[in-house]
Amino acid sequence: MATENISFNVLTHELVPEHYLLSEEEAQQILDKLKITKDQLPKIRKSDAAIKVLEHIYGPIEAGRVIKVVRKSSTAEEFTAYRLVTGS
């Protein structure tokens, strides 16, 4: 697995939601659907532990990329949120 060099993969912890890097096309489709701009998304720092793990999977993640966060919920079953990667 590409994350074997990480001392602890936070994405495997049961309390951490799933994180996915969206392609530019996927991100634009989401922004169009929500009728918002990237600047209106909540932020996630490039130095966040989840982003560091994703970089081992996808390679370097630049500021301005969009991350999809999927939380499991007992009431809503699944909740999807999006975050804009910002500088460290």
C-alpha atoms as a PDB file:
ATOM      1  CA  MET A   1       0.000   0.000   0.000  1.00  0.00           C
ATOM      2  CA  ALA A   2       1.220   3.518  -0.775  1.00  0.00           C
ATOM      3  CA  THR A   3       0.723   4.619   2.839  1.00  0.00           C
ATOM      4  CA  GLU A   4       3.115   2.077   4.379  1.00  0.00           C
ATOM      5  CA  ASN A   5       5.762   4.785   5.056  1.00  0.00           C
ATOM      6  CA  ILE A   6       3.396   6.680   7.350  1.00  0.00           C
ATOM      7  CA  SER A   7       3.859   5.961  11.053  1.00  0.00           C
ATOM      8  CA  PHE A   8       0.086   6.177  11.628  1.00  0.00           C
ATOM      9  CA  ASN A   9      -2.563   6.338   8.915  1.00  0.00           C
ATOM     10  CA  VAL A  10      -5.284   8.523  10.435  1.00  0.00           C
ATOM     11  CA  LEU A  11      -7.715   7.562   7.675  1.00  0.00           C
ATOM     12  CA  THR A  12      -7.916   4.021   9.056  1.00  0.00           C
ATOM     13  CA  HIS A  13      -9.178   5.213  12.449  1.00  0.00           C
ATOM     14  CA  GLU A  14     -12.882   4.508  13.009  1.00  0.00           C
ATOM     15  CA  LEU A  15     -13.635   8.089  14.078  1.00  0.00           C
ATOM     16  CA  VAL A  16     -12.046   9.726  11.030  1.00  0.00           C
ATOM     17  CA  PRO A  17     -14.365  10.179   8.036  1.00  0.00           C
ATOM     18  CA  GLU A  18     -13.367   9.025   4.562  1.00  0.00           C
ATOM     19  CA  HIS A  19     -11.415  11.590   2.503  1.00  0.00           C
ATOM     20  CA  TYR A  20     -11.108  11.653  -1.296  1.00  0.00           C
ATOM     21  CA  LEU A  21      -9.285  14.003  -3.645  1.00  0.00           C
ATOM     22  CA  LEU A  22     -11.621  15.178  -6.406  1.00  0.00           C
ATOM     23  CA  SER A  23     -10.429  15.781  -9.938  1.00  0.00           C
ATOM     24  CA  GLU A  24     -10.766  19.340 -11.214  1.00  0.00           C
ATOM     25  CA  GLU A  25     -13.751  18.253 -13.345  1.00  0.00           C
ATOM     26  CA  GLU A  26     -15.504  16.553 -10.406  1.00  0.00           C
ATOM     27  CA  ALA A  27     -14.883  19.589  -8.223  1.00  0.00           C
ATOM     28  CA  GLN A  28     -16.327  21.946 -10.838  1.00  0.00           C
ATOM     29  CA  GLN A  29     -19.429  19.759 -11.207  1.00  0.00           C
ATOM     30  CA  ILE A  30     -20.001  19.891  -7.436  1.00  0.00           C
ATOM     31  CA  LEU A  31     -19.480  23.659  -7.322  1.00  0.00           C
ATOM     32  CA  ASP A  32     -21.916  24.131 -10.221  1.00  0.00           C
ATOM     33  CA  LYS A  33     -24.487  21.878  -8.560  1.00  0.00           C
ATOM     34  CA  LEU A  34     -24.195  23.754  -5.243  1.00  0.00           C
ATOM     35  CA  LYS A  35     -24.016  27.130  -7.049  1.00  0.00           C
ATOM     36  CA  ILE A  36     -20.975  28.253  -5.064  1.00  0.00           C
ATOM     37  CA  THR A  37     -17.340  29.128  -5.691  1.00  0.00           C
ATOM     38  CA  LYS A  38     -14.294  27.369  -4.253  1.00  0.00           C
ATOM     39  CA  ASP A  39     -13.758  30.265  -1.840  1.00  0.00           C
ATOM     40  CA  GLN A  40     -17.127  29.537  -0.243  1.00  0.00           C
ATOM     41  CA  LEU A  41     -16.124  26.003   0.769  1.00  0.00           C
ATOM     42  CA  PRO A  42     -14.896  25.256   4.290  1.00  0.00           C
ATOM     43  CA  LYS A  43     -11.106  24.998   4.388  1.00  0.00           C
ATOM     44  CA  ILE A  44      -8.678  22.211   5.211  1.00  0.00           C
ATOM     45  CA  ARG A  45      -4.983  22.952   5.634  1.00  0.00           C
ATOM     46  CA  LYS A  46      -2.375  21.256   3.475  1.00  0.00           C
ATOM     47  CA  SER A  47      -0.651  20.321   6.746  1.00  0.00           C
ATOM     48  CA  ASP A  48      -3.714  18.374   7.986  1.00  0.00           C
ATOM     49  CA  ALA A  49      -2.897  14.741   8.806  1.00  0.00           C
ATOM     50  CA  ALA A  50      -5.577  13.460   6.385  1.00  0.00           C
ATOM     51  CA  ILE A  51      -4.067  15.488   3.527  1.00  0.00           C
ATOM     52  CA  LYS A  52      -0.616  14.083   4.317  1.00  0.00           C
ATOM     53  CA  VAL A  53      -2.001  10.548   3.989  1.00  0.00           C
ATOM     54  CA  LEU A  54      -3.807  11.429   0.742  1.00  0.00           C
ATOM     55  CA  GLU A  55      -0.525  12.780  -0.657  1.00  0.00           C
ATOM     56  CA  HIS A  56       0.985   9.302  -0.241  1.00  0.00           C
ATOM     57  CA  ILE A  57      -1.865   7.960  -2.367  1.00  0.00           C
ATOM     58  CA  TYR A  58      -2.364  10.707  -4.985  1.00  0.00           C
ATOM     59  CA  GLY A  59       0.979  12.535  -4.921  1.00  0.00           C
ATOM     60  CA  PRO A  60       1.422  16.209  -4.014  1.00  0.00           C
ATOM     61  CA  ILE A  61      -1.878  18.030  -3.371  1.00  0.00           C
ATOM     62  CA  GLU A  62      -1.733  21.722  -4.171  1.00  0.00           C
ATOM     63  CA  ALA A  63      -3.721  24.490  -2.496  1.00  0.00           C
ATOM     64  CA  GLY A  64      -6.976  25.068  -4.358  1.00  0.00           C
ATOM     65  CA  ARG A  65      -7.877  21.387  -4.757  1.00  0.00           C
ATOM     66  CA  VAL A  66     -11.168  20.074  -3.387  1.00  0.00           C
ATOM     67  CA  ILE A  67     -11.467  17.177  -0.928  1.00  0.00           C
ATOM     68  CA  LYS A  68     -14.647  15.143  -0.496  1.00  0.00           C
ATOM     69  CA  VAL A  69     -15.311  14.099   3.121  1.00  0.00           C
ATOM     70  CA  VAL A  70     -17.861  11.328   3.737  1.00  0.00           C
ATOM     71  CA  ARG A  71     -19.070  10.863   7.301  1.00  0.00           C
ATOM     72  CA  LYS A  72     -21.079   7.869   8.426  1.00  0.00           C
ATOM     73  CA  SER A  73     -24.027   8.776  10.632  1.00  0.00           C
ATOM     74  CA  SER A  74     -26.565   6.747  12.561  1.00  0.00           C
ATOM     75  CA  THR A  75     -29.290   9.259  11.711  1.00  0.00           C
ATOM     76  CA  ALA A  76     -28.392  10.455   8.214  1.00  0.00           C
ATOM     77  CA  GLU A  77     -26.595   7.243   7.162  1.00  0.00           C
ATOM     78  CA  GLU A  78     -24.034   9.223   5.167  1.00  0.00           C
ATOM     79  CA  PHE A  79     -23.166  12.919   5.057  1.00  0.00           C
ATOM     80  CA  THR A  80     -20.930  14.345   2.338  1.00  0.00           C
ATOM     81  CA  ALA A  81     -19.026  17.589   2.764  1.00  0.00           C
ATOM     82  CA  TYR A  82     -16.385  19.297   0.630  1.00  0.00           C
ATOM     83  CA  ARG A  83     -13.250  21.143   1.741  1.00  0.00           C
ATOM     84  CA  LEU A  84     -10.881  23.478  -0.080  1.00  0.00           C
ATOM     85  CA  VAL A  85      -7.189  22.758   0.494  1.00  0.00           C
ATOM     86  CA  THR A  86      -5.323  25.859   1.677  1.00  0.00           C
ATOM     87  CA  GLY A  87      -1.620  26.465   2.270  1.00  0.00           C
ATOM     88  CA  SER A  88       0.102  25.025   5.308  1.00  0.00           C
END
